[in-house]
Amino acid sequence: RGVFVDTLSYGPQAVDALVRVLGIDALVLGSDRPYADPGAFRLGAAAHEAITRANPLRLLEGGRP
């Protein structure tokens, strides 16, 4: 709780492992541009919404559930 992992530079297998170990609520999609572009994680629409919108919003609001 209160820990977030930026997944932008990780590949699909690493993101899948993070979901299994930490859960979807700990993952966010930050920005490493111009170093790396966002990859396709193949986790589904709900997971994409969590990683790209809901979780970063919680992080910016101080990590509150």
PDB file of N, CA and C in Angstrom:
ATOM      1  N   ARG A   1       0.837  -1.183   0.000  1.00  0.00           N
ATOM      2  CA  ARG A   1       0.000   0.000   0.000  1.00  0.00           C
ATOM      3  C   ARG A   1       0.878   1.242   0.000  1.00  0.00           C
ATOM      4  N   GLY A   2       0.536   2.197  -0.876  1.00  0.00           N
ATOM      5  CA  GLY A   2       1.305   3.427  -0.957  1.00  0.00           C
ATOM      6  C   GLY A   2       2.553   3.314  -1.812  1.00  0.00           C
ATOM      7  N   VAL A   3       2.766   2.162  -2.468  1.00  0.00           N
ATOM      8  CA  VAL A   3       3.918   1.961  -3.337  1.00  0.00           C
ATOM      9  C   VAL A   3       3.425   1.881  -4.769  1.00  0.00           C
ATOM     10  N   PHE A   4       4.093   2.610  -5.656  1.00  0.00           N
ATOM     11  CA  PHE A   4       3.737   2.597  -7.066  1.00  0.00           C
ATOM     12  C   PHE A   4       4.968   2.262  -7.889  1.00  0.00           C
ATOM     13  N   VAL A   5       4.777   1.527  -8.978  1.00  0.00           N
ATOM     14  CA  VAL A   5       5.865   1.134  -9.865  1.00  0.00           C
ATOM     15  C   VAL A   5       5.560   1.671 -11.259  1.00  0.00           C
ATOM     16  N   ASP A   6       6.497   2.449 -11.801  1.00  0.00           N
ATOM     17  CA  ASP A   6       6.354   2.965 -13.163  1.00  0.00           C
ATOM     18  C   ASP A   6       6.717   1.835 -14.127  1.00  0.00           C
ATOM     19  N   THR A   7       5.799   1.483 -14.999  1.00  0.00           N
ATOM     20  CA  THR A   7       5.966   0.317 -15.857  1.00  0.00           C
ATOM     21  C   THR A   7       6.382   0.642 -17.285  1.00  0.00           C
ATOM     22  N   LEU A   8       6.640   1.899 -17.610  1.00  0.00           N
ATOM     23  CA  LEU A   8       6.852   2.263 -19.003  1.00  0.00           C
ATOM     24  C   LEU A   8       8.010   1.520 -19.652  1.00  0.00           C
ATOM     25  N   SER A   9       9.121   1.357 -18.965  1.00  0.00           N
ATOM     26  CA  SER A   9      10.302   0.750 -19.568  1.00  0.00           C
ATOM     27  C   SER A   9      10.314  -0.772 -19.489  1.00  0.00           C
ATOM     28  N   TYR A  10       9.292  -1.366 -18.902  1.00  0.00           N
ATOM     29  CA  TYR A  10       9.249  -2.811 -18.764  1.00  0.00           C
ATOM     30  C   TYR A  10       8.504  -3.435 -19.938  1.00  0.00           C
ATOM     31  N   GLY A  11       8.861  -4.657 -20.279  1.00  0.00           N
ATOM     32  CA  GLY A  11       8.162  -5.391 -21.325  1.00  0.00           C
ATOM     33  C   GLY A  11       6.930  -6.088 -20.775  1.00  0.00           C
ATOM     34  N   PRO A  12       6.168  -6.720 -21.655  1.00  0.00           N
ATOM     35  CA  PRO A  12       4.919  -7.382 -21.252  1.00  0.00           C
ATOM     36  C   PRO A  12       5.097  -8.463 -20.177  1.00  0.00           C
ATOM     37  N   GLN A  13       6.177  -9.231 -20.243  1.00  0.00           N
ATOM     38  CA  GLN A  13       6.378 -10.283 -19.248  1.00  0.00           C
ATOM     39  C   GLN A  13       6.669  -9.698 -17.870  1.00  0.00           C
ATOM     40  N   ALA A  14       7.459  -8.634 -17.824  1.00  0.00           N
ATOM     41  CA  ALA A  14       7.755  -7.992 -16.546  1.00  0.00           C
ATOM     42  C   ALA A  14       6.507  -7.374 -15.941  1.00  0.00           C
ATOM     43  N   VAL A  15       5.683  -6.735 -16.767  1.00  0.00           N
ATOM     44  CA  VAL A  15       4.449  -6.132 -16.269  1.00  0.00           C
ATOM     45  C   VAL A  15       3.507  -7.217 -15.758  1.00  0.00           C
ATOM     46  N   ASP A  16       3.404  -8.319 -16.469  1.00  0.00           N
ATOM     47  CA  ASP A  16       2.579  -9.432 -16.011  1.00  0.00           C
ATOM     48  C   ASP A  16       3.055  -9.941 -14.654  1.00  0.00           C
ATOM     49  N   ALA A  17       4.366 -10.064 -14.474  1.00  0.00           N
ATOM     50  CA  ALA A  17       4.919 -10.513 -13.190  1.00  0.00           C
ATOM     51  C   ALA A  17       4.608  -9.509 -12.083  1.00  0.00           C
ATOM     52  N   LEU A  18       4.715  -8.212 -12.390  1.00  0.00           N
ATOM     53  CA  LEU A  18       4.397  -7.192 -11.386  1.00  0.00           C
ATOM     54  C   LEU A  18       2.932  -7.252 -10.974  1.00  0.00           C
ATOM     55  N   VAL A  19       2.054  -7.469 -11.929  1.00  0.00           N
ATOM     56  CA  VAL A  19       0.627  -7.593 -11.605  1.00  0.00           C
ATOM     57  C   VAL A  19       0.412  -8.776 -10.675  1.00  0.00           C
ATOM     58  N   ARG A  20       1.074  -9.878 -10.949  1.00  0.00           N
ATOM     59  CA  ARG A  20       0.913 -11.087 -10.119  1.00  0.00           C
ATOM     60  C   ARG A  20       1.448 -10.891  -8.711  1.00  0.00           C
ATOM     61  N   VAL A  21       2.562 -10.159  -8.575  1.00  0.00           N
ATOM     62  CA  VAL A  21       3.200  -9.997  -7.265  1.00  0.00           C
ATOM     63  C   VAL A  21       2.620  -8.818  -6.484  1.00  0.00           C
ATOM     64  N   LEU A  22       2.465  -7.671  -7.139  1.00  0.00           N
ATOM     65  CA  LEU A  22       2.044  -6.452  -6.440  1.00  0.00           C
ATOM     66  C   LEU A  22       0.565  -6.126  -6.607  1.00  0.00           C
ATOM     67  N   GLY A  23      -0.046  -6.647  -7.661  1.00  0.00           N
ATOM     68  CA  GLY A  23      -1.428  -6.300  -7.953  1.00  0.00           C
ATOM     69  C   GLY A  23      -1.488  -5.103  -8.883  1.00  0.00           C
ATOM     70  N   ILE A  24      -2.592  -4.967  -9.568  1.00  0.00           N
ATOM     71  CA  ILE A  24      -2.754  -3.917 -10.573  1.00  0.00           C
ATOM     72  C   ILE A  24      -2.746  -2.519  -9.958  1.00  0.00           C
ATOM     73  N   ASP A  25      -3.160  -2.387  -8.697  1.00  0.00           N
ATOM     74  CA  ASP A  25      -3.265  -1.066  -8.068  1.00  0.00           C
ATOM     75  C   ASP A  25      -1.917  -0.404  -7.811  1.00  0.00           C
ATOM     76  N   ALA A  26      -0.823  -1.150  -7.909  1.00  0.00           N
ATOM     77  CA  ALA A  26       0.504  -0.585  -7.664  1.00  0.00           C
ATOM     78  C   ALA A  26       1.190  -0.101  -8.930  1.00  0.00           C
ATOM     79  N   LEU A  27       0.590  -0.340 -10.092  1.00  0.00           N
ATOM     80  CA  LEU A  27       1.262  -0.029 -11.349  1.00  0.00           C
ATOM     81  C   LEU A  27       0.760   1.268 -11.950  1.00  0.00           C
ATOM     82  N   VAL A  28       1.704   2.058 -12.449  1.00  0.00           N
ATOM     83  CA  VAL A  28       1.375   3.289 -13.164  1.00  0.00           C
ATOM     84  C   VAL A  28       2.193   3.333 -14.448  1.00  0.00           C
ATOM     85  N   LEU A  29       1.720   4.084 -15.402  1.00  0.00           N
ATOM     86  CA  LEU A  29       2.445   4.283 -16.649  1.00  0.00           C
ATOM     87  C   LEU A  29       2.935   5.707 -16.661  1.00  0.00           C
ATOM     88  N   GLY A  30       4.221   5.873 -16.394  1.00  0.00           N
ATOM     89  CA  GLY A  30       4.807   7.205 -16.399  1.00  0.00           C
ATOM     90  C   GLY A  30       5.304   7.546 -17.784  1.00  0.00           C
ATOM     91  N   SER A  31       6.335   8.351 -17.860  1.00  0.00           N
ATOM     92  CA  SER A  31       6.878   8.725 -19.158  1.00  0.00           C
ATOM     93  C   SER A  31       8.390   8.724 -19.101  1.00  0.00           C
ATOM     94  N   ASP A  32       9.001   7.950 -19.983  1.00  0.00           N
ATOM     95  CA  ASP A  32      10.445   7.943 -20.142  1.00  0.00           C
ATOM     96  C   ASP A  32      10.824   8.535 -21.493  1.00  0.00           C
ATOM     97  N   ARG A  33       9.910   9.253 -22.097  1.00  0.00           N
ATOM     98  CA  ARG A  33      10.193   9.834 -23.402  1.00  0.00           C
ATOM     99  C   ARG A  33      11.269  10.885 -23.266  1.00  0.00           C
ATOM    100  N   PRO A  34      12.171  11.008 -24.165  1.00  0.00           N
ATOM    101  CA  PRO A  34      12.230  10.336 -25.455  1.00  0.00           C
ATOM    102  C   PRO A  34      12.940   8.993 -25.408  1.00  0.00           C
ATOM    103  N   TYR A  35      13.329   8.539 -24.230  1.00  0.00           N
ATOM    104  CA  TYR A  35      14.052   7.263 -24.117  1.00  0.00           C
ATOM    105  C   TYR A  35      13.215   6.075 -24.580  1.00  0.00           C
ATOM    106  N   ALA A  36      11.977   6.005 -24.142  1.00  0.00           N
ATOM    107  CA  ALA A  36      11.149   4.838 -24.461  1.00  0.00           C
ATOM    108  C   ALA A  36       9.709   5.267 -24.706  1.00  0.00           C
ATOM    109  N   ASP A  37       9.068   4.592 -25.613  1.00  0.00           N
ATOM    110  CA  ASP A  37       7.650   4.797 -25.878  1.00  0.00           C
ATOM    111  C   ASP A  37       6.857   3.728 -25.141  1.00  0.00           C
ATOM    112  N   PRO A  38       5.606   4.027 -24.766  1.00  0.00           N
ATOM    113  CA  PRO A  38       4.786   3.020 -24.089  1.00  0.00           C
ATOM    114  C   PRO A  38       4.620   1.772 -24.945  1.00  0.00           C
ATOM    115  N   GLY A  39       4.739   0.622 -24.309  1.00  0.00           N
ATOM    116  CA  GLY A  39       4.541  -0.647 -25.009  1.00  0.00           C
ATOM    117  C   GLY A  39       3.116  -1.141 -24.837  1.00  0.00           C
ATOM    118  N   ALA A  40       2.805  -2.196 -25.523  1.00  0.00           N
ATOM    119  CA  ALA A  40       1.492  -2.836 -25.393  1.00  0.00           C
ATOM    120  C   ALA A  40       1.615  -3.960 -24.374  1.00  0.00           C
ATOM    121  N   PHE A  41       0.868  -3.875 -23.286  1.00  0.00           N
ATOM    122  CA  PHE A  41       0.992  -4.858 -22.216  1.00  0.00           C
ATOM    123  C   PHE A  41       0.006  -6.007 -22.328  1.00  0.00           C
ATOM    124  N   ARG A  42      -1.008  -5.863 -23.173  1.00  0.00           N
ATOM    125  CA  ARG A  42      -1.996  -6.924 -23.390  1.00  0.00           C
ATOM    126  C   ARG A  42      -2.668  -7.374 -22.092  1.00  0.00           C
ATOM    127  N   LEU A  43      -3.079  -6.437 -21.268  1.00  0.00           N
ATOM    128  CA  LEU A  43      -3.720  -6.777 -19.993  1.00  0.00           C
ATOM    129  C   LEU A  43      -5.227  -6.547 -20.008  1.00  0.00           C
ATOM    130  N   GLY A  44      -5.759  -5.981 -21.055  1.00  0.00           N
ATOM    131  CA  GLY A  44      -7.191  -5.730 -21.118  1.00  0.00           C
ATOM    132  C   GLY A  44      -7.535  -4.288 -20.814  1.00  0.00           C
ATOM    133  N   ALA A  45      -8.762  -3.918 -21.127  1.00  0.00           N
ATOM    134  CA  ALA A  45      -9.212  -2.527 -21.007  1.00  0.00           C
ATOM    135  C   ALA A  45      -9.225  -2.026 -19.567  1.00  0.00           C
ATOM    136  N   ALA A  46      -9.676  -2.843 -18.633  1.00  0.00           N
ATOM    137  CA  ALA A  46      -9.747  -2.408 -17.232  1.00  0.00           C
ATOM    138  C   ALA A  46      -8.347  -2.182 -16.662  1.00  0.00           C
ATOM    139  N   ALA A  47      -7.413  -3.052 -16.972  1.00  0.00           N
ATOM    140  CA  ALA A  47      -6.038  -2.889 -16.500  1.00  0.00           C
ATOM    141  C   ALA A  47      -5.398  -1.663 -17.140  1.00  0.00           C
ATOM    142  N   HIS A  48      -5.656  -1.457 -18.417  1.00  0.00           N
ATOM    143  CA  HIS A  48      -5.127  -0.277 -19.100  1.00  0.00           C
ATOM    144  C   HIS A  48      -5.655   0.998 -18.451  1.00  0.00           C
ATOM    145  N   GLU A  49      -6.919   1.028 -18.125  1.00  0.00           N
ATOM    146  CA  GLU A  49      -7.529   2.178 -17.446  1.00  0.00           C
ATOM    147  C   GLU A  49      -6.869   2.413 -16.083  1.00  0.00           C
ATOM    148  N   ALA A  50      -6.623   1.337 -15.347  1.00  0.00           N
ATOM    149  CA  ALA A  50      -5.990   1.459 -14.025  1.00  0.00           C
ATOM    150  C   ALA A  50      -4.575   2.004 -14.145  1.00  0.00           C
ATOM    151  N   ILE A  51      -3.784   1.431 -15.045  1.00  0.00           N
ATOM    152  CA  ILE A  51      -2.370   1.798 -15.161  1.00  0.00           C
ATOM    153  C   ILE A  51      -2.189   3.201 -15.739  1.00  0.00           C
ATOM    154  N   THR A  52      -3.036   3.589 -16.666  1.00  0.00           N
ATOM    155  CA  THR A  52      -2.837   4.873 -17.345  1.00  0.00           C
ATOM    156  C   THR A  52      -3.619   6.029 -16.741  1.00  0.00           C
ATOM    157  N   ARG A  53      -4.672   5.738 -15.969  1.00  0.00           N
ATOM    158  CA  ARG A  53      -5.500   6.834 -15.470  1.00  0.00           C
ATOM    159  C   ARG A  53      -5.766   6.774 -13.967  1.00  0.00           C
ATOM    160  N   ALA A  54      -6.389   5.709 -13.506  1.00  0.00           N
ATOM    161  CA  ALA A  54      -6.827   5.647 -12.104  1.00  0.00           C
ATOM    162  C   ALA A  54      -5.656   5.623 -11.121  1.00  0.00           C
ATOM    163  N   ASN A  55      -4.673   4.779 -11.368  1.00  0.00           N
ATOM    164  CA  ASN A  55      -3.544   4.676 -10.437  1.00  0.00           C
ATOM    165  C   ASN A  55      -2.674   5.932 -10.431  1.00  0.00           C
ATOM    166  N   PRO A  56      -2.331   6.510 -11.609  1.00  0.00           N
ATOM    167  CA  PRO A  56      -1.576   7.771 -11.560  1.00  0.00           C
ATOM    168  C   PRO A  56      -2.338   8.880 -10.830  1.00  0.00           C
ATOM    169  N   LEU A  57      -3.649   8.911 -10.980  1.00  0.00           N
ATOM    170  CA  LEU A  57      -4.450   9.909 -10.273  1.00  0.00           C
ATOM    171  C   LEU A  57      -4.328   9.715  -8.763  1.00  0.00           C
ATOM    172  N   ARG A  58      -4.421   8.452  -8.300  1.00  0.00           N
ATOM    173  CA  ARG A  58      -4.247   8.179  -6.856  1.00  0.00           C
ATOM    174  C   ARG A  58      -2.849   8.576  -6.391  1.00  0.00           C
ATOM    175  N   LEU A  59      -1.838   8.294  -7.214  1.00  0.00           N
ATOM    176  CA  LEU A  59      -0.461   8.652  -6.860  1.00  0.00           C
ATOM    177  C   LEU A  59      -0.326  10.159  -6.684  1.00  0.00           C
ATOM    178  N   LEU A  60      -0.867  10.915  -7.625  1.00  0.00           N
ATOM    179  CA  LEU A  60      -0.776  12.372  -7.559  1.00  0.00           C
ATOM    180  C   LEU A  60      -1.607  12.961  -6.423  1.00  0.00           C
ATOM    181  N   GLU A  61      -2.618  12.234  -5.982  1.00  0.00           N
ATOM    182  CA  GLU A  61      -3.445  12.694  -4.856  1.00  0.00           C
ATOM    183  C   GLU A  61      -2.879  12.250  -3.515  1.00  0.00           C
ATOM    184  N   GLY A  62      -1.710  11.637  -3.512  1.00  0.00           N
ATOM    185  CA  GLY A  62      -1.074  11.238  -2.265  1.00  0.00           C
ATOM    186  C   GLY A  62      -1.218   9.773  -1.942  1.00  0.00           C
ATOM    187  N   GLY A  63      -1.635   8.948  -2.894  1.00  0.00           N
ATOM    188  CA  GLY A  63      -1.681   7.511  -2.681  1.00  0.00           C
ATOM    189  C   GLY A  63      -2.905   7.008  -1.946  1.00  0.00           C
ATOM    190  N   ARG A  64      -3.899   7.864  -1.738  1.00  0.00           N
ATOM    191  CA  ARG A  64      -5.098   7.433  -1.015  1.00  0.00           C
ATOM    192  C   ARG A  64      -5.880   6.439  -1.866  1.00  0.00           C
ATOM    193  N   PRO A  65      -6.461   5.418  -1.247  1.00  0.00           N
ATOM    194  CA  PRO A  65      -7.248   4.422  -1.998  1.00  0.00           C
ATOM    195  C   PRO A  65      -8.515   5.010  -2.593  1.00  0.00           C
TER     196      PRO A  65
END
